[in-house]
Amino acid sequence: MKKKTISVALATYNEEENIGSCLESVKDLADEIVVVDGSSEDDTVAIAKKHGAKVMVTDNPPIFHINKQKALDACKGEWILQLDADERVTKKLAEEIKMIVSLSERKIKKYQETLPNKNLFQRHQRIIEKRDGKIGKDSGEYAGFFMPRLNYFLGKYLRYGGVYPDGVIRLVKNGKAYFPCKSVHEQIVINGRIGWLQNDLIHLADPTFKRYLERNSKYIDLITAEFKEARLGKNPIQFLNYSLIKPIHWFLLTLIRHKGILDSFQGIVFSFFSALRFPRAYWRYLVRK
């Protein structure tokens, strides 16, 4: 059987602390590595080239998916593994990726039916689709795969609070996936069936509180921009909704119902600051013209 080629695609900006370890984690998996860099001011480009990546330097748009799409477009492999620089592919996940792309459609379907965490993954996908709409098709060939993502936060991998499995579509068939590039929250569009992989993708998003606050502030700016685009009301009802009702509901939902408290101190902190995104985004929306 002919070996299926795999491209690894990344969009980067000032990721010198992460890019080397990320690319090192896929060195035995990738047939090519494509990096679209948004004119980094550090050594990201040099490090990526050192690891054998094909690097395209461009601007750094607010919607990062624009550069992710450029990376997808530049890939030549039959399958594309699109990653963020702060993600790591474990050896078990790499082996699973190589295995899944080599299977026939019939064997992929059988593999999906025997996943140990099948029920958890399906439940999580229903939540995602309730938010983003239907993902993929119910028939035809498999063209994309979710991966469960294990998020690292202040020294601990979070497994509760609704954080895990944090399913992200990372493995896609070339020509069968694209980013709409309209919103930071958007889901990648898959023209085909969707499956899951079993092994975790490591996400070293927030090893320090400083990094978390920096990323969180950028995220809040994007939410604020969406409020402006939607012309969200600036009135007492919306102020009460975003200042009290939404954050309190989210904090209790993630901490109690989704058992975030079982992640100890990190779980409590994560739930609290996750809830604060509602008033922080709305307050920025109120004061910005």
C-alpha atoms as a PDB file:
ATOM      1  CA  MET A   1       0.000   0.000   0.000  1.00  0.00           C
ATOM      2  CA  LYS A   2       1.330   3.422  -0.968  1.00  0.00           C
ATOM      3  CA  LYS A   3       2.292   5.578   2.023  1.00  0.00           C
ATOM      4  CA  LYS A   4       0.045   8.638   2.420  1.00  0.00           C
ATOM      5  CA  THR A   5       1.972  11.915   2.596  1.00  0.00           C
ATOM      6  CA  ILE A   6       1.387  14.235   5.546  1.00  0.00           C
ATOM      7  CA  SER A   7       2.019  17.980   5.606  1.00  0.00           C
ATOM      8  CA  VAL A   8       2.225  19.944   8.858  1.00  0.00           C
ATOM      9  CA  ALA A   9       0.866  23.498   8.648  1.00  0.00           C
ATOM     10  CA  LEU A  10       1.315  26.338  11.139  1.00  0.00           C
ATOM     11  CA  ALA A  11       0.630  30.059  11.315  1.00  0.00           C
ATOM     12  CA  THR A  12       2.979  31.851  13.703  1.00  0.00           C
ATOM     13  CA  TYR A  13       3.802  35.204  15.235  1.00  0.00           C
ATOM     14  CA  ASN A  14       6.580  35.684  17.808  1.00  0.00           C
ATOM     15  CA  GLU A  15       6.678  32.030  18.815  1.00  0.00           C
ATOM     16  CA  GLU A  16      10.417  31.521  19.314  1.00  0.00           C
ATOM     17  CA  GLU A  17       9.795  29.892  22.709  1.00  0.00           C
ATOM     18  CA  ASN A  18       7.426  27.311  21.237  1.00  0.00           C
ATOM     19  CA  ILE A  19       8.093  26.667  17.566  1.00  0.00           C
ATOM     20  CA  GLY A  20      11.213  24.523  18.019  1.00  0.00           C
ATOM     21  CA  SER A  21       9.617  22.029  20.397  1.00  0.00           C
ATOM     22  CA  CYS A  22       6.453  21.921  18.293  1.00  0.00           C
ATOM     23  CA  LEU A  23       8.327  21.053  15.108  1.00  0.00           C
ATOM     24  CA  GLU A  24      10.542  18.608  16.965  1.00  0.00           C
ATOM     25  CA  SER A  25       7.394  16.710  18.006  1.00  0.00           C
ATOM     26  CA  VAL A  26       6.424  16.086  14.349  1.00  0.00           C
ATOM     27  CA  LYS A  27       9.856  15.391  12.865  1.00  0.00           C
ATOM     28  CA  ASP A  28       9.101  11.677  12.384  1.00  0.00           C
ATOM     29  CA  LEU A  29       5.595  12.356  11.069  1.00  0.00           C
ATOM     30  CA  ALA A  30       5.793  15.197   8.555  1.00  0.00           C
ATOM     31  CA  ASP A  31       6.741  14.807   4.909  1.00  0.00           C
ATOM     32  CA  GLU A  32       6.790  18.601   4.720  1.00  0.00           C
ATOM     33  CA  ILE A  33       6.326  21.485   7.148  1.00  0.00           C
ATOM     34  CA  VAL A  34       4.752  24.759   6.023  1.00  0.00           C
ATOM     35  CA  VAL A  35       4.926  27.827   8.272  1.00  0.00           C
ATOM     36  CA  VAL A  36       3.164  31.098   7.445  1.00  0.00           C
ATOM     37  CA  ASP A  37       4.680  33.727   9.720  1.00  0.00           C
ATOM     38  CA  GLY A  38       3.065  37.093  10.409  1.00  0.00           C
ATOM     39  CA  SER A  39       6.347  39.071  10.334  1.00  0.00           C
ATOM     40  CA  SER A  40       7.596  37.929  13.736  1.00  0.00           C
ATOM     41  CA  GLU A  41       9.963  40.256  15.561  1.00  0.00           C
ATOM     42  CA  ASP A  42      11.849  37.409  17.233  1.00  0.00           C
ATOM     43  CA  ASP A  43      13.677  34.298  15.977  1.00  0.00           C
ATOM     44  CA  THR A  44      10.581  32.306  15.006  1.00  0.00           C
ATOM     45  CA  VAL A  45      11.439  32.235  11.297  1.00  0.00           C
ATOM     46  CA  ALA A  46      15.062  31.227  11.826  1.00  0.00           C
ATOM     47  CA  ILE A  47      14.115  28.410  14.195  1.00  0.00           C
ATOM     48  CA  ALA A  48      11.412  27.141  11.831  1.00  0.00           C
ATOM     49  CA  LYS A  49      13.881  27.059   8.924  1.00  0.00           C
ATOM     50  CA  LYS A  50      16.402  25.254  11.121  1.00  0.00           C
ATOM     51  CA  HIS A  51      13.815  22.495  11.531  1.00  0.00           C
ATOM     52  CA  GLY A  52      13.362  22.210   7.778  1.00  0.00           C
ATOM     53  CA  ALA A  53      10.155  24.207   7.414  1.00  0.00           C
ATOM     54  CA  LYS A  54       9.122  26.050   4.265  1.00  0.00           C
ATOM     55  CA  VAL A  55       8.473  29.554   5.597  1.00  0.00           C
ATOM     56  CA  MET A  56       6.276  32.241   4.048  1.00  0.00           C
ATOM     57  CA  VAL A  57       6.458  35.671   5.707  1.00  0.00           C
ATOM     58  CA  THR A  58       3.368  37.879   5.485  1.00  0.00           C
ATOM     59  CA  ASP A  59       1.427  40.359   7.625  1.00  0.00           C
ATOM     60  CA  ASN A  60      -0.252  39.535  10.954  1.00  0.00           C
ATOM     61  CA  PRO A  61      -4.039  39.974  10.565  1.00  0.00           C
ATOM     62  CA  PRO A  62      -6.308  40.191  13.660  1.00  0.00           C
ATOM     63  CA  ILE A  63      -8.143  37.051  12.517  1.00  0.00           C
ATOM     64  CA  PHE A  64      -5.323  34.539  12.721  1.00  0.00           C
ATOM     65  CA  HIS A  65      -7.253  32.023  10.616  1.00  0.00           C
ATOM     66  CA  ILE A  66      -6.330  34.042   7.527  1.00  0.00           C
ATOM     67  CA  ASN A  67      -2.718  32.930   7.871  1.00  0.00           C
ATOM     68  CA  LYS A  68      -3.799  29.420   8.831  1.00  0.00           C
ATOM     69  CA  GLN A  69      -5.672  29.227   5.545  1.00  0.00           C
ATOM     70  CA  LYS A  70      -2.586  30.411   3.671  1.00  0.00           C
ATOM     71  CA  ALA A  71      -0.651  27.581   5.299  1.00  0.00           C
ATOM     72  CA  LEU A  72      -3.296  25.042   4.272  1.00  0.00           C
ATOM     73  CA  ASP A  73      -3.247  26.334   0.686  1.00  0.00           C
ATOM     74  CA  ALA A  74       0.526  25.916   0.469  1.00  0.00           C
ATOM     75  CA  CYS A  75       0.572  22.267   1.605  1.00  0.00           C
ATOM     76  CA  LYS A  76       1.212  19.488  -0.905  1.00  0.00           C
ATOM     77  CA  GLY A  77       0.563  16.416   1.266  1.00  0.00           C
ATOM     78  CA  GLU A  78      -2.512  14.214   0.894  1.00  0.00           C
ATOM     79  CA  TRP A  79      -3.319  14.912   4.542  1.00  0.00           C
ATOM     80  CA  ILE A  80      -2.613  18.065   6.540  1.00  0.00           C
ATOM     81  CA  LEU A  81      -1.959  18.283  10.263  1.00  0.00           C
ATOM     82  CA  GLN A  82      -2.565  21.918  11.170  1.00  0.00           C
ATOM     83  CA  LEU A  83      -1.124  22.933  14.533  1.00  0.00           C
ATOM     84  CA  ASP A  84      -0.549  25.918  16.779  1.00  0.00           C
ATOM     85  CA  ALA A  85       3.016  26.545  17.927  1.00  0.00           C
ATOM     86  CA  ASP A  86       2.137  25.830  21.561  1.00  0.00           C
ATOM     87  CA  GLU A  87       0.833  22.341  20.717  1.00  0.00           C
ATOM     88  CA  ARG A  88       2.827  19.121  20.895  1.00  0.00           C
ATOM     89  CA  VAL A  89       2.222  15.796  19.164  1.00  0.00           C
ATOM     90  CA  THR A  90       3.014  12.840  21.407  1.00  0.00           C
ATOM     91  CA  LYS A  91       4.568   9.673  19.987  1.00  0.00           C
ATOM     92  CA  LYS A  92       1.289   7.797  20.518  1.00  0.00           C
ATOM     93  CA  LEU A  93      -0.672  10.472  18.665  1.00  0.00           C
ATOM     94  CA  ALA A  94       1.860  10.514  15.822  1.00  0.00           C
ATOM     95  CA  GLU A  95       1.525   6.748  15.424  1.00  0.00           C
ATOM     96  CA  GLU A  96      -2.264   7.026  15.474  1.00  0.00           C
ATOM     97  CA  ILE A  97      -2.174   9.713  12.774  1.00  0.00           C
ATOM     98  CA  LYS A  98       0.029   7.578  10.522  1.00  0.00           C
ATOM     99  CA  MET A  99      -2.274   4.638  11.131  1.00  0.00           C
ATOM    100  CA  ILE A 100      -5.577   6.439  10.464  1.00  0.00           C
ATOM    101  CA  VAL A 101      -4.481   7.969   7.141  1.00  0.00           C
ATOM    102  CA  SER A 102      -3.416   4.532   5.885  1.00  0.00           C
ATOM    103  CA  LEU A 103      -6.774   2.844   6.594  1.00  0.00           C
ATOM    104  CA  SER A 104      -9.570   2.210   4.118  1.00  0.00           C
ATOM    105  CA  GLU A 105     -12.892   3.974   4.634  1.00  0.00           C
ATOM    106  CA  ARG A 106     -14.393   0.748   5.972  1.00  0.00           C
ATOM    107  CA  LYS A 107     -11.601   0.302   8.512  1.00  0.00           C
ATOM    108  CA  ILE A 108     -11.789   3.952   9.593  1.00  0.00           C
ATOM    109  CA  LYS A 109     -15.491   3.515  10.304  1.00  0.00           C
ATOM    110  CA  LYS A 110     -14.792   0.379  12.332  1.00  0.00           C
ATOM    111  CA  TYR A 111     -12.053   2.215  14.236  1.00  0.00           C
ATOM    112  CA  GLN A 112     -14.509   4.999  15.099  1.00  0.00           C
ATOM    113  CA  GLU A 113     -16.963   2.468  16.509  1.00  0.00           C
ATOM    114  CA  THR A 114     -14.356   0.990  18.864  1.00  0.00           C
ATOM    115  CA  LEU A 115     -12.843   4.176  20.330  1.00  0.00           C
ATOM    116  CA  PRO A 116     -12.593   3.785  24.150  1.00  0.00           C
ATOM    117  CA  ASN A 117     -13.822   7.367  24.694  1.00  0.00           C
ATOM    118  CA  LYS A 118     -16.425   7.266  21.925  1.00  0.00           C
ATOM    119  CA  ASN A 119     -19.353   8.414  24.106  1.00  0.00           C
ATOM    120  CA  LEU A 120     -17.373  11.280  25.651  1.00  0.00           C
ATOM    121  CA  PHE A 121     -16.216  12.462  22.229  1.00  0.00           C
ATOM    122  CA  GLN A 122     -19.698  12.274  20.713  1.00  0.00           C
ATOM    123  CA  ARG A 123     -21.178  14.220  23.614  1.00  0.00           C
ATOM    124  CA  HIS A 124     -18.497  16.882  23.240  1.00  0.00           C
ATOM    125  CA  GLN A 125     -19.074  17.110  19.488  1.00  0.00           C
ATOM    126  CA  ARG A 126     -22.792  17.677  20.048  1.00  0.00           C
ATOM    127  CA  ILE A 127     -21.924  20.627  22.288  1.00  0.00           C
ATOM    128  CA  ILE A 128     -19.612  22.069  19.622  1.00  0.00           C
ATOM    129  CA  GLU A 129     -22.222  21.632  16.899  1.00  0.00           C
ATOM    130  CA  LYS A 130     -24.882  23.278  19.059  1.00  0.00           C
ATOM    131  CA  ARG A 131     -22.580  26.309  19.169  1.00  0.00           C
ATOM    132  CA  ASP A 132     -21.120  26.255  15.640  1.00  0.00           C
ATOM    133  CA  GLY A 133     -23.679  24.337  13.585  1.00  0.00           C
ATOM    134  CA  LYS A 134     -23.358  21.002  11.805  1.00  0.00           C
ATOM    135  CA  ILE A 135     -19.753  19.985  11.129  1.00  0.00           C
ATOM    136  CA  GLY A 136     -18.962  17.815   8.128  1.00  0.00           C
ATOM    137  CA  LYS A 137     -21.273  15.334   6.442  1.00  0.00           C
ATOM    138  CA  ASP A 138     -23.030  12.152   7.532  1.00  0.00           C
ATOM    139  CA  SER A 139     -21.848  10.146   4.519  1.00  0.00           C
ATOM    140  CA  GLY A 140     -18.993   9.957   2.040  1.00  0.00           C
ATOM    141  CA  GLU A 141     -15.295   9.718   2.757  1.00  0.00           C
ATOM    142  CA  TYR A 142     -13.648  10.796   5.993  1.00  0.00           C
ATOM    143  CA  ALA A 143     -12.046  14.194   5.469  1.00  0.00           C
ATOM    144  CA  GLY A 144     -11.282  15.492   8.964  1.00  0.00           C
ATOM    145  CA  PHE A 145     -10.555  14.306  12.486  1.00  0.00           C
ATOM    146  CA  PHE A 146     -11.028  15.827  15.898  1.00  0.00           C
ATOM    147  CA  MET A 147      -8.296  15.355  18.460  1.00  0.00           C
ATOM    148  CA  PRO A 148      -8.865  15.549  22.217  1.00  0.00           C
ATOM    149  CA  ARG A 149      -6.686  18.388  23.485  1.00  0.00           C
ATOM    150  CA  LEU A 150      -5.112  18.346  26.938  1.00  0.00           C
ATOM    151  CA  ASN A 151      -4.653  21.927  28.140  1.00  0.00           C
ATOM    152  CA  TYR A 152      -1.780  22.919  30.422  1.00  0.00           C
ATOM    153  CA  PHE A 153      -2.652  25.713  32.846  1.00  0.00           C
ATOM    154  CA  LEU A 154      -0.334  27.040  35.585  1.00  0.00           C
ATOM    155  CA  GLY A 155       1.473  23.746  36.117  1.00  0.00           C
ATOM    156  CA  LYS A 156      -1.450  21.350  35.676  1.00  0.00           C
ATOM    157  CA  TYR A 157      -3.276  19.604  32.832  1.00  0.00           C
ATOM    158  CA  LEU A 158      -6.962  20.444  33.168  1.00  0.00           C
ATOM    159  CA  ARG A 159      -9.385  17.526  32.887  1.00  0.00           C
ATOM    160  CA  TYR A 160     -12.573  19.020  34.308  1.00  0.00           C
ATOM    161  CA  GLY A 161     -14.572  22.242  34.166  1.00  0.00           C
ATOM    162  CA  GLY A 162     -15.755  21.458  30.653  1.00  0.00           C
ATOM    163  CA  VAL A 163     -12.188  21.895  29.395  1.00  0.00           C
ATOM    164  CA  TYR A 164     -11.507  18.287  28.385  1.00  0.00           C
ATOM    165  CA  PRO A 165     -11.623  16.827  25.757  1.00  0.00           C
ATOM    166  CA  ASP A 166     -11.551  20.295  24.112  1.00  0.00           C
ATOM    167  CA  GLY A 167     -11.954  18.681  20.701  1.00  0.00           C
ATOM    168  CA  VAL A 168     -10.161  20.451  17.857  1.00  0.00           C
ATOM    169  CA  ILE A 169     -10.110  19.445  14.192  1.00  0.00           C
ATOM    170  CA  ARG A 170      -6.427  19.231  13.365  1.00  0.00           C
ATOM    171  CA  LEU A 171      -6.077  16.455  10.773  1.00  0.00           C
ATOM    172  CA  VAL A 172      -7.762  17.169   7.428  1.00  0.00           C
ATOM    173  CA  LYS A 173      -7.659  15.809   3.892  1.00  0.00           C
ATOM    174  CA  ASN A 174      -6.017  18.249   1.505  1.00  0.00           C
ATOM    175  CA  GLY A 175      -8.618  20.178  -0.519  1.00  0.00           C
ATOM    176  CA  LYS A 176     -11.465  19.152   1.784  1.00  0.00           C
ATOM    177  CA  ALA A 177     -11.127  21.814   4.488  1.00  0.00           C
ATOM    178  CA  TYR A 178     -11.007  25.590   4.759  1.00  0.00           C
ATOM    179  CA  PHE A 179     -11.356  28.419   7.271  1.00  0.00           C
ATOM    180  CA  PRO A 180     -14.128  30.965   6.517  1.00  0.00           C
ATOM    181  CA  CYS A 181     -11.797  33.638   8.016  1.00  0.00           C
ATOM    182  CA  LYS A 182     -14.659  35.740   9.347  1.00  0.00           C
ATOM    183  CA  SER A 183     -14.394  35.265  13.107  1.00  0.00           C
ATOM    184  CA  VAL A 184     -11.947  34.109  15.770  1.00  0.00           C
ATOM    185  CA  HIS A 185     -14.596  31.652  17.011  1.00  0.00           C
ATOM    186  CA  GLU A 186     -15.261  30.020  13.666  1.00  0.00           C
ATOM    187  CA  GLN A 187     -14.980  26.299  13.082  1.00  0.00           C
ATOM    188  CA  ILE A 188     -12.992  24.941  10.155  1.00  0.00           C
ATOM    189  CA  VAL A 189     -15.319  23.737   7.383  1.00  0.00           C
ATOM    190  CA  ILE A 190     -14.963  20.092   6.358  1.00  0.00           C
ATOM    191  CA  ASN A 191     -16.308  18.761   3.055  1.00  0.00           C
ATOM    192  CA  GLY A 192     -16.691  15.141   4.155  1.00  0.00           C
ATOM    193  CA  ARG A 193     -17.223  12.965   7.215  1.00  0.00           C
ATOM    194  CA  ILE A 194     -15.710  13.776  10.597  1.00  0.00           C
ATOM    195  CA  GLY A 195     -14.044  11.291  12.930  1.00  0.00           C
ATOM    196  CA  TRP A 196     -12.039  11.324  16.154  1.00  0.00           C
ATOM    197  CA  LEU A 197      -8.587  10.242  17.211  1.00  0.00           C
ATOM    198  CA  GLN A 198      -8.131   8.766  20.659  1.00  0.00           C
ATOM    199  CA  ASN A 199      -4.754  10.109  21.794  1.00  0.00           C
ATOM    200  CA  ASP A 200      -4.364  13.567  23.311  1.00  0.00           C
ATOM    201  CA  LEU A 201      -2.819  16.583  21.615  1.00  0.00           C
ATOM    202  CA  ILE A 202      -0.796  18.463  24.229  1.00  0.00           C
ATOM    203  CA  HIS A 203      -1.572  22.184  24.451  1.00  0.00           C
ATOM    204  CA  LEU A 204       0.969  24.218  26.444  1.00  0.00           C
ATOM    205  CA  ALA A 205      -1.178  27.319  26.294  1.00  0.00           C
ATOM    206  CA  ASP A 206      -0.651  28.898  29.694  1.00  0.00           C
ATOM    207  CA  PRO A 207       2.416  27.750  31.621  1.00  0.00           C
ATOM    208  CA  THR A 208       2.480  31.105  33.442  1.00  0.00           C
ATOM    209  CA  PHE A 209      -0.232  33.488  34.599  1.00  0.00           C
ATOM    210  CA  LYS A 210       1.428  36.309  32.642  1.00  0.00           C
ATOM    211  CA  ARG A 211       1.058  34.394  29.370  1.00  0.00           C
ATOM    212  CA  TYR A 212      -2.530  33.528  30.209  1.00  0.00           C
ATOM    213  CA  LEU A 213      -3.442  37.183  30.832  1.00  0.00           C
ATOM    214  CA  GLU A 214      -1.755  38.261  27.584  1.00  0.00           C
ATOM    215  CA  ARG A 215      -3.627  35.669  25.534  1.00  0.00           C
ATOM    216  CA  ASN A 216      -6.858  36.323  27.407  1.00  0.00           C
ATOM    217  CA  SER A 217      -6.659  40.073  26.766  1.00  0.00           C
ATOM    218  CA  LYS A 218      -6.253  39.507  23.013  1.00  0.00           C
ATOM    219  CA  TYR A 219      -9.198  37.119  23.074  1.00  0.00           C
ATOM    220  CA  ILE A 220     -11.334  39.703  24.870  1.00  0.00           C
ATOM    221  CA  ASP A 221     -10.416  42.331  22.263  1.00  0.00           C
ATOM    222  CA  LEU A 222     -11.763  40.016  19.562  1.00  0.00           C
ATOM    223  CA  ILE A 223     -14.995  39.441  21.495  1.00  0.00           C
ATOM    224  CA  THR A 224     -15.309  43.225  21.891  1.00  0.00           C
ATOM    225  CA  ALA A 225     -14.938  43.629  18.127  1.00  0.00           C
ATOM    226  CA  GLU A 226     -17.707  41.077  17.587  1.00  0.00           C
ATOM    227  CA  PHE A 227     -19.969  43.020  19.956  1.00  0.00           C
ATOM    228  CA  LYS A 228     -19.328  46.120  17.878  1.00  0.00           C
ATOM    229  CA  GLU A 229     -20.025  44.314  14.604  1.00  0.00           C
ATOM    230  CA  ALA A 230     -23.260  42.888  16.016  1.00  0.00           C
ATOM    231  CA  ARG A 231     -24.205  46.312  17.436  1.00  0.00           C
ATOM    232  CA  LEU A 232     -24.913  44.830  20.826  1.00  0.00           C
ATOM    233  CA  GLY A 233     -27.172  47.057  22.900  1.00  0.00           C
ATOM    234  CA  LYS A 234     -25.643  49.520  25.348  1.00  0.00           C
ATOM    235  CA  ASN A 235     -28.398  49.555  27.932  1.00  0.00           C
ATOM    236  CA  PRO A 236     -29.016  48.553  31.586  1.00  0.00           C
ATOM    237  CA  ILE A 237     -30.392  45.127  30.650  1.00  0.00           C
ATOM    238  CA  GLN A 238     -27.316  44.136  28.636  1.00  0.00           C
ATOM    239  CA  PHE A 239     -25.046  45.681  31.265  1.00  0.00           C
ATOM    240  CA  LEU A 240     -26.659  43.506  33.955  1.00  0.00           C
ATOM    241  CA  ASN A 241     -26.551  40.462  31.683  1.00  0.00           C
ATOM    242  CA  TYR A 242     -22.845  40.729  30.876  1.00  0.00           C
ATOM    243  CA  SER A 243     -21.714  42.127  34.228  1.00  0.00           C
ATOM    244  CA  LEU A 244     -23.510  39.695  36.540  1.00  0.00           C
ATOM    245  CA  ILE A 245     -25.784  37.059  35.024  1.00  0.00           C
ATOM    246  CA  LYS A 246     -23.469  35.539  32.399  1.00  0.00           C
ATOM    247  CA  PRO A 247     -20.274  35.508  34.502  1.00  0.00           C
ATOM    248  CA  ILE A 248     -21.975  34.058  37.600  1.00  0.00           C
ATOM    249  CA  HIS A 249     -23.750  31.407  35.535  1.00  0.00           C
ATOM    250  CA  TRP A 250     -20.534  30.448  33.726  1.00  0.00           C
ATOM    251  CA  PHE A 251     -18.465  30.315  36.925  1.00  0.00           C
ATOM    252  CA  LEU A 252     -20.937  28.023  38.694  1.00  0.00           C
ATOM    253  CA  LEU A 253     -21.497  25.932  35.573  1.00  0.00           C
ATOM    254  CA  THR A 254     -17.818  25.172  35.024  1.00  0.00           C
ATOM    255  CA  LEU A 255     -16.814  24.918  38.678  1.00  0.00           C
ATOM    256  CA  ILE A 256     -19.736  22.847  40.014  1.00  0.00           C
ATOM    257  CA  ARG A 257     -21.694  21.157  37.244  1.00  0.00           C
ATOM    258  CA  HIS A 258     -18.608  20.414  35.129  1.00  0.00           C
ATOM    259  CA  LYS A 259     -16.516  19.674  38.246  1.00  0.00           C
ATOM    260  CA  GLY A 260     -13.796  22.236  37.618  1.00  0.00           C
ATOM    261  CA  ILE A 261     -13.123  22.242  41.338  1.00  0.00           C
ATOM    262  CA  LEU A 262     -11.578  18.768  40.916  1.00  0.00           C
ATOM    263  CA  ASP A 263      -8.714  20.483  39.089  1.00  0.00           C
ATOM    264  CA  SER A 264      -7.986  22.129  42.459  1.00  0.00           C
ATOM    265  CA  PHE A 265      -6.578  25.680  42.562  1.00  0.00           C
ATOM    266  CA  GLN A 266      -5.955  25.818  38.808  1.00  0.00           C
ATOM    267  CA  GLY A 267      -9.540  24.767  38.100  1.00  0.00           C
ATOM    268  CA  ILE A 268     -10.949  27.519  40.308  1.00  0.00           C
ATOM    269  CA  VAL A 269      -8.702  30.181  38.768  1.00  0.00           C
ATOM    270  CA  PHE A 270      -9.520  29.040  35.241  1.00  0.00           C
ATOM    271  CA  SER A 271     -13.281  29.111  35.882  1.00  0.00           C
ATOM    272  CA  PHE A 272     -13.085  32.534  37.509  1.00  0.00           C
ATOM    273  CA  PHE A 273     -11.117  34.257  34.748  1.00  0.00           C
ATOM    274  CA  SER A 274     -13.069  32.438  32.051  1.00  0.00           C
ATOM    275  CA  ALA A 275     -16.233  33.914  33.558  1.00  0.00           C
ATOM    276  CA  LEU A 276     -14.675  37.374  33.693  1.00  0.00           C
ATOM    277  CA  ARG A 277     -14.395  37.513  29.911  1.00  0.00           C
ATOM    278  CA  PHE A 278     -18.069  38.555  29.731  1.00  0.00           C
ATOM    279  CA  PRO A 279     -17.884  41.777  31.804  1.00  0.00           C
ATOM    280  CA  ARG A 280     -14.381  42.632  30.574  1.00  0.00           C
ATOM    281  CA  ALA A 281     -15.421  42.405  26.918  1.00  0.00           C
ATOM    282  CA  TYR A 282     -18.635  44.340  27.499  1.00  0.00           C
ATOM    283  CA  TRP A 283     -16.926  47.085  29.483  1.00  0.00           C
ATOM    284  CA  ARG A 284     -14.340  47.537  26.720  1.00  0.00           C
ATOM    285  CA  TYR A 285     -17.201  47.694  24.244  1.00  0.00           C
ATOM    286  CA  LEU A 286     -18.860  50.459  26.256  1.00  0.00           C
ATOM    287  CA  VAL A 287     -15.815  52.712  26.467  1.00  0.00           C
ATOM    288  CA  ARG A 288     -14.402  52.207  22.973  1.00  0.00           C
ATOM    289  CA  LYS A 289     -15.699  54.245  20.054  1.00  0.00           C
END
